[in-house]
Amino acid sequence: MPSGTVRISLETQEKLRAIASRTGLTMQAVLDEAIEAYRRERFLAAANRAYSTLRKDPKRWQAEQDGRAGWDAALSDGLEDV
């Protein structure tokens, strides 16, 4: 896998090294997992903000609920999961 260089503080490098040592993972693997967790956290925070905004608009929220009801019907169509 191609790699690049990122500068981090010595304090952060020591934390990274300690986590890698405790977990038995490489520092790169720890960093990859941490960045993926952070990416997911930010995605979910943005989704929560968007839904919060949507819920404040009764017409748009009802349209969302109506759309979900359509999917609920599709889920109970009697077809077996594959």
Protein backbone atom coordinates (compact mmCIF):
# COMPACT_ATOMS: atom_id res chain seq x y z
CA MET A 1 0.00 0.00 0.00
CA PRO A 2 1.40 3.42 -0.88
CA SER A 3 2.16 5.63 2.08
CA GLY A 4 2.85 9.26 2.82
CA THR A 5 4.43 11.30 5.55
CA VAL A 6 2.45 13.22 8.15
CA ARG A 7 4.06 15.31 10.86
CA ILE A 8 2.76 14.76 14.38
CA SER A 9 3.93 16.14 17.69
CA LEU A 10 6.39 14.11 19.77
CA GLU A 11 3.71 13.79 22.47
CA THR A 12 1.26 12.30 19.96
CA GLN A 13 3.95 10.01 18.60
CA GLU A 14 4.62 8.66 22.09
CA LYS A 15 0.90 8.07 22.64
CA LEU A 16 0.71 6.30 19.30
CA ARG A 17 3.73 4.16 20.14
CA ALA A 18 2.26 3.24 23.55
CA ILE A 19 -1.09 2.22 22.04
CA ALA A 20 0.68 0.16 19.38
CA SER A 21 2.78 -1.55 22.03
CA ARG A 22 -0.24 -2.38 24.21
CA THR A 23 -2.35 -3.66 21.34
CA GLY A 24 0.33 -5.44 19.34
CA LEU A 25 -0.63 -3.44 16.26
CA THR A 26 1.69 -1.37 14.16
CA MET A 27 1.60 2.38 14.64
CA GLN A 28 0.24 2.67 11.10
CA ALA A 29 -2.60 0.24 11.91
CA VAL A 30 -3.48 2.15 15.09
CA LEU A 31 -3.49 5.42 13.17
CA ASP A 32 -5.60 3.91 10.36
CA GLU A 33 -8.18 2.67 12.89
CA ALA A 34 -8.22 5.98 14.75
CA ILE A 35 -8.77 7.99 11.59
CA GLU A 36 -11.55 5.67 10.44
CA ALA A 37 -13.25 5.97 13.84
CA TYR A 38 -12.94 9.76 13.69
CA ARG A 39 -14.33 9.82 10.12
CA ARG A 40 -17.35 7.77 11.21
CA GLU A 41 -17.90 9.95 14.27
CA ARG A 42 -17.91 13.11 12.14
CA PHE A 43 -20.25 11.51 9.58
CA LEU A 44 -22.75 10.51 12.26
CA ALA A 45 -22.54 13.93 13.94
CA ALA A 46 -23.34 15.59 10.59
CA ALA A 47 -26.23 13.17 9.99
CA ASN A 48 -27.62 13.91 13.46
CA ARG A 49 -27.45 17.65 12.82
CA ALA A 50 -29.21 17.21 9.48
CA TYR A 51 -32.01 15.14 11.03
CA SER A 52 -32.34 17.65 13.86
CA THR A 53 -32.78 20.43 11.31
CA LEU A 54 -35.24 18.32 9.30
CA ARG A 55 -37.37 17.60 12.38
CA LYS A 56 -37.79 21.32 13.01
CA ASP A 57 -39.69 21.65 9.72
CA PRO A 58 -43.02 19.80 10.15
CA LYS A 59 -43.76 19.55 6.40
CA ARG A 60 -40.34 18.20 5.49
CA TRP A 61 -40.35 15.85 8.49
CA GLN A 62 -43.74 14.45 7.48
CA ALA A 63 -42.44 13.89 3.95
CA GLU A 64 -39.51 11.98 5.44
CA GLN A 65 -41.86 9.87 7.56
CA ASP A 66 -44.04 9.17 4.53
CA GLY A 67 -41.00 8.04 2.59
CA ARG A 68 -40.00 5.68 5.39
CA ALA A 69 -43.50 4.21 5.46
CA GLY A 70 -43.09 3.27 1.82
CA TRP A 71 -39.88 1.41 2.60
CA ASP A 72 -41.52 -0.35 5.55
CA ALA A 73 -44.13 -1.74 3.18
CA ALA A 74 -41.41 -2.98 0.86
CA LEU A 75 -39.74 -4.79 3.74
CA SER A 76 -42.90 -6.75 4.47
CA ASP A 77 -43.46 -7.93 0.91
CA GLY A 78 -43.26 -11.60 1.89
CA LEU A 79 -40.05 -12.27 -0.01
CA GLU A 80 -37.42 -14.31 1.76
CA ASP A 81 -34.03 -12.81 2.53
CA VAL A 82 -31.31 -14.21 0.33
